[in-house]
């Protein structure tokens, strides 16, 4: 019984650094994922704002055109 406990203690001791490394790697991956999601959201916001600006510019051009036609 003492041998089993000794073997388990050695095994636990040898696995502990490996588990610590895996935990650190998981934390790093989580941080990278959060950063990636933030960048993706920023790109999506910019992508949707460009067509909105184009529509506003078109409306402004139409308003200017109507104004010029009415005041000739």
PDB file of N, CA and C in Angstrom:
ATOM      1  N   UNK A   1       0.821  -1.184   0.000  1.00  0.00           N
ATOM      2  CA  UNK A   1       0.000   0.000   0.000  1.00  0.00           C
ATOM      3  C   UNK A   1       0.866   1.248   0.000  1.00  0.00           C
ATOM      4  N   UNK A   2       1.971   1.207   0.732  1.00  0.00           N
ATOM      5  CA  UNK A   2       2.872   2.353   0.767  1.00  0.00           C
ATOM      6  C   UNK A   2       3.499   2.582  -0.599  1.00  0.00           C
ATOM      7  N   UNK A   3       3.775   1.502  -1.318  1.00  0.00           N
ATOM      8  CA  UNK A   3       4.358   1.640  -2.659  1.00  0.00           C
ATOM      9  C   UNK A   3       3.401   2.340  -3.612  1.00  0.00           C
ATOM     10  N   UNK A   4       2.126   2.008  -3.494  1.00  0.00           N
ATOM     11  CA  UNK A   4       1.124   2.641  -4.363  1.00  0.00           C
ATOM     12  C   UNK A   4       1.046   4.124  -4.050  1.00  0.00           C
ATOM     13  N   UNK A   5       1.049   4.465  -2.795  1.00  0.00           N
ATOM     14  CA  UNK A   5       0.994   5.875  -2.405  1.00  0.00           C
ATOM     15  C   UNK A   5       2.240   6.603  -2.883  1.00  0.00           C
ATOM     16  N   UNK A   6       3.382   5.965  -2.802  1.00  0.00           N
ATOM     17  CA  UNK A   6       4.634   6.562  -3.246  1.00  0.00           C
ATOM     18  C   UNK A   6       4.620   6.777  -4.757  1.00  0.00           C
ATOM     19  N   UNK A   7       4.146   5.786  -5.494  1.00  0.00           N
ATOM     20  CA  UNK A   7       4.063   5.901  -6.949  1.00  0.00           C
ATOM     21  C   UNK A   7       3.085   7.010  -7.332  1.00  0.00           C
ATOM     22  N   UNK A   8       1.966   7.081  -6.653  1.00  0.00           N
ATOM     23  CA  UNK A   8       0.988   8.129  -6.940  1.00  0.00           C
ATOM     24  C   UNK A   8       1.558   9.516  -6.631  1.00  0.00           C
ATOM     25  N   UNK A   9       2.294   9.631  -5.556  1.00  0.00           N
ATOM     26  CA  UNK A   9       2.906  10.914  -5.203  1.00  0.00           C
ATOM     27  C   UNK A   9       3.928  11.327  -6.261  1.00  0.00           C
ATOM     28  N   UNK A  10       4.724  10.396  -6.746  1.00  0.00           N
ATOM     29  CA  UNK A  10       5.697  10.697  -7.802  1.00  0.00           C
ATOM     30  C   UNK A  10       4.988  11.103  -9.092  1.00  0.00           C
ATOM     31  N   UNK A  11       3.941  10.354  -9.417  1.00  0.00           N
ATOM     32  CA  UNK A  11       3.182  10.643 -10.632  1.00  0.00           C
ATOM     33  C   UNK A  11       2.537  12.024 -10.549  1.00  0.00           C
ATOM     34  N   UNK A  12       1.965  12.325  -9.400  1.00  0.00           N
ATOM     35  CA  UNK A  12       1.349  13.642  -9.209  1.00  0.00           C
ATOM     36  C   UNK A  12       2.394  14.742  -9.302  1.00  0.00           C
ATOM     37  N   UNK A  13       3.552  14.506  -8.732  1.00  0.00           N
ATOM     38  CA  UNK A  13       4.640  15.486  -8.788  1.00  0.00           C
ATOM     39  C   UNK A  13       5.143  15.696 -10.204  1.00  0.00           C
ATOM     40  N   UNK A  14       5.184  14.642 -11.020  1.00  0.00           N
ATOM     41  CA  UNK A  14       5.674  14.786 -12.386  1.00  0.00           C
ATOM     42  C   UNK A  14       4.610  15.396 -13.303  1.00  0.00           C
ATOM     43  N   UNK A  15       3.336  15.227 -12.961  1.00  0.00           N
ATOM     44  CA  UNK A  15       2.273  15.795 -13.779  1.00  0.00           C
ATOM     45  C   UNK A  15       1.990  17.254 -13.444  1.00  0.00           C
ATOM     46  N   UNK A  16       2.323  17.672 -12.253  1.00  0.00           N
ATOM     47  CA  UNK A  16       2.012  19.032 -11.830  1.00  0.00           C
ATOM     48  C   UNK A  16       2.605  20.100 -12.757  1.00  0.00           C
ATOM     49  N   UNK A  17       3.891  20.031 -13.133  1.00  0.00           N
ATOM     50  CA  UNK A  17       4.422  21.046 -14.055  1.00  0.00           C
ATOM     51  C   UNK A  17       3.733  21.011 -15.428  1.00  0.00           C
ATOM     52  N   UNK A  18       3.399  19.816 -15.869  1.00  0.00           N
ATOM     53  CA  UNK A  18       2.709  19.695 -17.157  1.00  0.00           C
ATOM     54  C   UNK A  18       1.331  20.331 -17.091  1.00  0.00           C
ATOM     55  N   UNK A  19       0.620  20.087 -16.011  1.00  0.00           N
ATOM     56  CA  UNK A  19      -0.692  20.699 -15.846  1.00  0.00           C
ATOM     57  C   UNK A  19      -0.581  22.215 -15.739  1.00  0.00           C
ATOM     58  N   UNK A  20       0.444  22.695 -15.065  1.00  0.00           N
ATOM     59  CA  UNK A  20       0.655  24.149 -14.964  1.00  0.00           C
ATOM     60  C   UNK A  20       0.913  24.758 -16.334  1.00  0.00           C
ATOM     61  N   UNK A  21       1.710  24.088 -17.149  1.00  0.00           N
ATOM     62  CA  UNK A  21       1.981  24.579 -18.504  1.00  0.00           C
ATOM     63  C   UNK A  21       0.708  24.612 -19.338  1.00  0.00           C
ATOM     64  N   UNK A  22      -0.072  23.549 -19.243  1.00  0.00           N
ATOM     65  CA  UNK A  22      -1.328  23.503 -20.001  1.00  0.00           C
ATOM     66  C   UNK A  22      -2.292  24.601 -19.552  1.00  0.00           C
ATOM     67  N   UNK A  23      -2.341  24.853 -18.267  1.00  0.00           N
ATOM     68  CA  UNK A  23      -3.206  25.911 -17.750  1.00  0.00           C
ATOM     69  C   UNK A  23      -2.748  27.267 -18.267  1.00  0.00           C
ATOM     70  N   UNK A  24      -1.437  27.507 -18.257  1.00  0.00           N
ATOM     71  CA  UNK A  24      -0.906  28.773 -18.773  1.00  0.00           C
ATOM     72  C   UNK A  24      -1.189  28.917 -20.264  1.00  0.00           C
ATOM     73  N   UNK A  25      -1.039  27.835 -21.014  1.00  0.00           N
ATOM     74  CA  UNK A  25      -1.316  27.881 -22.448  1.00  0.00           C
ATOM     75  C   UNK A  25      -2.795  28.176 -22.704  1.00  0.00           C
ATOM     76  N   UNK A  26      -3.665  27.609 -21.901  1.00  0.00           N
ATOM     77  CA  UNK A  26      -5.101  27.855 -22.059  1.00  0.00           C
ATOM     78  C   UNK A  26      -5.417  29.320 -21.776  1.00  0.00           C
ATOM     79  N   UNK A  27      -4.783  29.889 -20.760  1.00  0.00           N
ATOM     80  CA  UNK A  27      -4.995  31.309 -20.448  1.00  0.00           C
ATOM     81  C   UNK A  27      -4.511  32.182 -21.603  1.00  0.00           C
ATOM     82  N   UNK A  28      -3.363  31.826 -22.177  1.00  0.00           N
ATOM     83  CA  UNK A  28      -2.844  32.583 -23.321  1.00  0.00           C
ATOM     84  C   UNK A  28      -3.793  32.486 -24.511  1.00  0.00           C
ATOM     85  N   UNK A  29      -4.309  31.294 -24.756  1.00  0.00           N
ATOM     86  CA  UNK A  29      -5.244  31.109 -25.868  1.00  0.00           C
ATOM     87  C   UNK A  29      -6.532  31.897 -25.645  1.00  0.00           C
ATOM     88  N   UNK A  30      -6.992  31.937 -24.399  1.00  0.00           N
ATOM     89  CA  UNK A  30      -8.198  32.711 -24.094  1.00  0.00           C
ATOM     90  C   UNK A  30      -7.967  34.195 -24.351  1.00  0.00           C
ATOM     91  N   UNK A  31      -6.788  34.690 -23.975  1.00  0.00           N
ATOM     92  CA  UNK A  31      -6.463  36.099 -24.198  1.00  0.00           C
ATOM     93  C   UNK A  31      -6.385  36.402 -25.694  1.00  0.00           C
ATOM     94  N   UNK A  32      -5.806  35.490 -26.452  1.00  0.00           N
ATOM     95  CA  UNK A  32      -5.714  35.680 -27.905  1.00  0.00           C
ATOM     96  C   UNK A  32      -7.110  35.677 -28.516  1.00  0.00           C
ATOM     97  N   UNK A  33      -7.962  34.798 -28.054  1.00  0.00           N
ATOM     98  CA  UNK A  33      -9.327  34.725 -28.574  1.00  0.00           C
ATOM     99  C   UNK A  33     -10.095  36.008 -28.275  1.00  0.00           C
ATOM    100  N   UNK A  34      -9.963  36.530 -27.076  1.00  0.00           N
ATOM    101  CA  UNK A  34     -10.641  37.780 -26.723  1.00  0.00           C
ATOM    102  C   UNK A  34     -10.134  38.916 -27.598  1.00  0.00           C
ATOM    103  N   UNK A  35      -8.823  38.987 -27.815  1.00  0.00           N
ATOM    104  CA  UNK A  35      -8.245  40.019 -28.671  1.00  0.00           C
ATOM    105  C   UNK A  35      -8.741  39.871 -30.100  1.00  0.00           C
ATOM    106  N   UNK A  36      -8.791  38.646 -30.593  1.00  0.00           N
ATOM    107  CA  UNK A  36      -9.256  38.389 -31.953  1.00  0.00           C
ATOM    108  C   UNK A  36     -10.716  38.823 -32.119  1.00  0.00           C
ATOM    109  N   UNK A  37     -11.543  38.500 -31.135  1.00  0.00           N
ATOM    110  CA  UNK A  37     -12.949  38.887 -31.210  1.00  0.00           C
ATOM    111  C   UNK A  37     -13.106  40.400 -31.195  1.00  0.00           C
ATOM    112  N   UNK A  38     -12.312  41.097 -30.394  1.00  0.00           N
ATOM    113  CA  UNK A  38     -12.387  42.558 -30.341  1.00  0.00           C
ATOM    114  C   UNK A  38     -11.988  43.167 -31.677  1.00  0.00           C
ATOM    115  N   UNK A  39     -10.948  42.641 -32.282  1.00  0.00           N
ATOM    116  CA  UNK A  39     -10.528  43.152 -33.596  1.00  0.00           C
ATOM    117  C   UNK A  39     -11.579  42.875 -34.657  1.00  0.00           C
ATOM    118  N   UNK A  40     -12.168  41.699 -34.614  1.00  0.00           N
ATOM    119  CA  UNK A  40     -13.199  41.352 -35.580  1.00  0.00           C
ATOM    120  C   UNK A  40     -14.410  42.270 -35.439  1.00  0.00           C
ATOM    121  N   UNK A  41     -14.809  42.549 -34.224  1.00  0.00           N
ATOM    122  CA  UNK A  41     -15.934  43.464 -33.995  1.00  0.00           C
ATOM    123  C   UNK A  41     -15.616  44.863 -34.527  1.00  0.00           C
ATOM    124  N   UNK A  42     -14.390  45.319 -34.348  1.00  0.00           N
ATOM    125  CA  UNK A  42     -13.998  46.641 -34.859  1.00  0.00           C
ATOM    126  C   UNK A  42     -14.069  46.678 -36.379  1.00  0.00           C
ATOM    127  N   UNK A  43     -13.614  45.623 -37.033  1.00  0.00           N
ATOM    128  CA  UNK A  43     -13.672  45.558 -38.492  1.00  0.00           C
ATOM    129  C   UNK A  43     -15.121  45.535 -38.957  1.00  0.00           C
ATOM    130  N   UNK A  44     -15.962  44.780 -38.265  1.00  0.00           N
ATOM    131  CA  UNK A  44     -17.373  44.721 -38.640  1.00  0.00           C
ATOM    132  C   UNK A  44     -18.044  46.082 -38.480  1.00  0.00           C
ATOM    133  N   UNK A  45     -17.733  46.805 -37.409  1.00  0.00           N
ATOM    134  CA  UNK A  45     -18.310  48.130 -37.219  1.00  0.00           C
ATOM    135  C   UNK A  45     -17.899  49.060 -38.353  1.00  0.00           C
ATOM    136  N   UNK A  46     -16.641  49.017 -38.742  1.00  0.00           N
ATOM    137  CA  UNK A  46     -16.161  49.871 -39.832  1.00  0.00           C
ATOM    138  C   UNK A  46     -16.818  49.463 -41.148  1.00  0.00           C
ATOM    139  N   UNK A  47     -16.937  48.176 -41.378  1.00  0.00           N
ATOM    140  CA  UNK A  47     -17.501  47.688 -42.634  1.00  0.00           C
ATOM    141  C   UNK A  47     -18.939  48.141 -42.796  1.00  0.00           C
ATOM    142  N   UNK A  48     -19.710  48.149 -41.713  1.00  0.00           N
ATOM    143  CA  UNK A  48     -21.107  48.563 -41.812  1.00  0.00           C
ATOM    144  C   UNK A  48     -21.256  50.078 -41.806  1.00  0.00           C
ATOM    145  N   UNK A  49     -20.280  50.810 -41.319  1.00  0.00           N
ATOM    146  CA  UNK A  49     -20.397  52.261 -41.299  1.00  0.00           C
ATOM    147  C   UNK A  49     -20.132  52.861 -42.675  1.00  0.00           C
ATOM    148  N   UNK A  50     -19.319  52.214 -43.505  1.00  0.00           N
ATOM    149  CA  UNK A  50     -19.008  52.751 -44.828  1.00  0.00           C
ATOM    150  C   UNK A  50     -20.258  52.830 -45.710  1.00  0.00           C
ATOM    151  N   UNK A  51     -21.071  51.779 -45.831  1.00  0.00           N
ATOM    152  CA  UNK A  51     -22.294  51.922 -46.635  1.00  0.00           C
ATOM    153  C   UNK A  51     -23.249  52.974 -46.062  1.00  0.00           C
ATOM    154  N   UNK A  52     -23.307  53.096 -44.750  1.00  0.00           N
ATOM    155  CA  UNK A  52     -24.171  54.102 -44.144  1.00  0.00           C
ATOM    156  C   UNK A  52     -23.719  55.497 -44.553  1.00  0.00           C
ATOM    157  N   UNK A  53     -22.419  55.735 -44.556  1.00  0.00           N
ATOM    158  CA  UNK A  53     -21.898  57.028 -44.987  1.00  0.00           C
ATOM    159  C   UNK A  53     -22.182  57.267 -46.465  1.00  0.00           C
ATOM    160  N   UNK A  54     -22.123  56.223 -47.270  1.00  0.00           N
ATOM    161  CA  UNK A  54     -22.409  56.361 -48.700  1.00  0.00           C
ATOM    162  C   UNK A  54     -23.867  56.746 -48.911  1.00  0.00           C
ATOM    163  N   UNK A  55     -24.758  56.162 -48.161  1.00  0.00           N
ATOM    164  CA  UNK A  55     -26.179  56.502 -48.280  1.00  0.00           C
ATOM    165  C   UNK A  55     -26.407  57.944 -47.855  1.00  0.00           C
ATOM    166  N   UNK A  56     -25.771  58.375 -46.776  1.00  0.00           N
ATOM    167  CA  UNK A  56     -25.915  59.764 -46.334  1.00  0.00           C
ATOM    168  C   UNK A  56     -25.370  60.736 -47.373  1.00  0.00           C
ATOM    169  N   UNK A  57     -24.261  60.393 -47.999  1.00  0.00           N
ATOM    170  CA  UNK A  57     -23.705  61.250 -49.047  1.00  0.00           C
ATOM    171  C   UNK A  57     -24.653  61.311 -50.236  1.00  0.00           C
ATOM    172  N   UNK A  58     -25.253  60.192 -50.587  1.00  0.00           N
ATOM    173  CA  UNK A  58     -26.217  60.169 -51.694  1.00  0.00           C
ATOM    174  C   UNK A  58     -27.417  61.047 -51.386  1.00  0.00           C
ATOM    175  N   UNK A  59     -27.938  60.966 -50.176  1.00  0.00           N
ATOM    176  CA  UNK A  59     -29.068  61.807 -49.786  1.00  0.00           C
ATOM    177  C   UNK A  59     -28.701  63.287 -49.820  1.00  0.00           C
ATOM    178  N   UNK A  60     -27.504  63.607 -49.369  1.00  0.00           N
ATOM    179  CA  UNK A  60     -27.047  64.998 -49.415  1.00  0.00           C
ATOM    180  C   UNK A  60     -26.941  65.470 -50.863  1.00  0.00           C
ATOM    181  N   UNK A  61     -26.426  64.638 -51.755  1.00  0.00           N
ATOM    182  CA  UNK A  61     -26.333  65.008 -53.174  1.00  0.00           C
ATOM    183  C   UNK A  61     -27.721  65.221 -53.781  1.00  0.00           C
ATOM    184  N   UNK A  62     -28.662  64.379 -53.421  1.00  0.00           N
ATOM    185  CA  UNK A  62     -30.027  64.537 -53.931  1.00  0.00           C
ATOM    186  C   UNK A  62     -30.619  65.851 -53.428  1.00  0.00           C
ATOM    187  N   UNK A  63     -30.412  66.146 -52.141  1.00  0.00           N
ATOM    188  CA  UNK A  63     -30.936  67.392 -51.585  1.00  0.00           C
ATOM    189  C   UNK A  63     -30.309  68.605 -52.257  1.00  0.00           C
ATOM    190  N   UNK A  64     -29.016  68.563 -52.503  1.00  0.00           N
ATOM    191  CA  UNK A  64     -28.351  69.668 -53.191  1.00  0.00           C
ATOM    192  C   UNK A  64     -28.871  69.795 -54.620  1.00  0.00           C
ATOM    193  N   UNK A  65     -29.060  68.685 -55.302  1.00  0.00           N
ATOM    194  CA  UNK A  65     -29.597  68.700 -56.654  1.00  0.00           C
ATOM    195  C   UNK A  65     -30.991  69.287 -56.709  1.00  0.00           C
ATOM    196  N   UNK A  66     -31.842  68.879 -55.782  1.00  0.00           N
ATOM    197  CA  UNK A  66     -33.207  69.417 -55.737  1.00  0.00           C
ATOM    198  C   UNK A  66     -33.172  70.912 -55.443  1.00  0.00           C
ATOM    199  N   UNK A  67     -32.331  71.325 -54.517  1.00  0.00           N
ATOM    200  CA  UNK A  67     -32.210  72.736 -54.183  1.00  0.00           C
ATOM    201  C   UNK A  67     -31.761  73.557 -55.396  1.00  0.00           C
ATOM    202  N   UNK A  68     -30.781  73.048 -56.133  1.00  0.00           N
ATOM    203  CA  UNK A  68     -30.274  73.777 -57.297  1.00  0.00           C
ATOM    204  C   UNK A  68     -31.312  73.854 -58.408  1.00  0.00           C
ATOM    205  N   UNK A  69     -32.072  72.793 -58.593  1.00  0.00           N
ATOM    206  CA  UNK A  69     -33.110  72.803 -59.631  1.00  0.00           C
ATOM    207  C   UNK A  69     -34.225  73.780 -59.264  1.00  0.00           C
ATOM    208  N   UNK A  70     -34.588  73.836 -58.000  1.00  0.00           N
ATOM    209  CA  UNK A  70     -35.671  74.721 -57.544  1.00  0.00           C
ATOM    210  C   UNK A  70     -35.263  76.187 -57.557  1.00  0.00           C
ATOM    211  N   UNK A  71     -33.980  76.499 -57.441  1.00  0.00           N
ATOM    212  CA  UNK A  71     -33.534  77.880 -57.321  1.00  0.00           C
ATOM    213  C   UNK A  71     -32.786  78.342 -58.565  1.00  0.00           C
ATOM    214  N   UNK A  72     -33.124  77.876 -59.722  1.00  0.00           N
ATOM    215  CA  UNK A  72     -32.477  78.338 -60.955  1.00  0.00           C
ATOM    216  C   UNK A  72     -33.142  79.551 -61.484  1.00  0.00           C
TER     217      UNK A  72
END
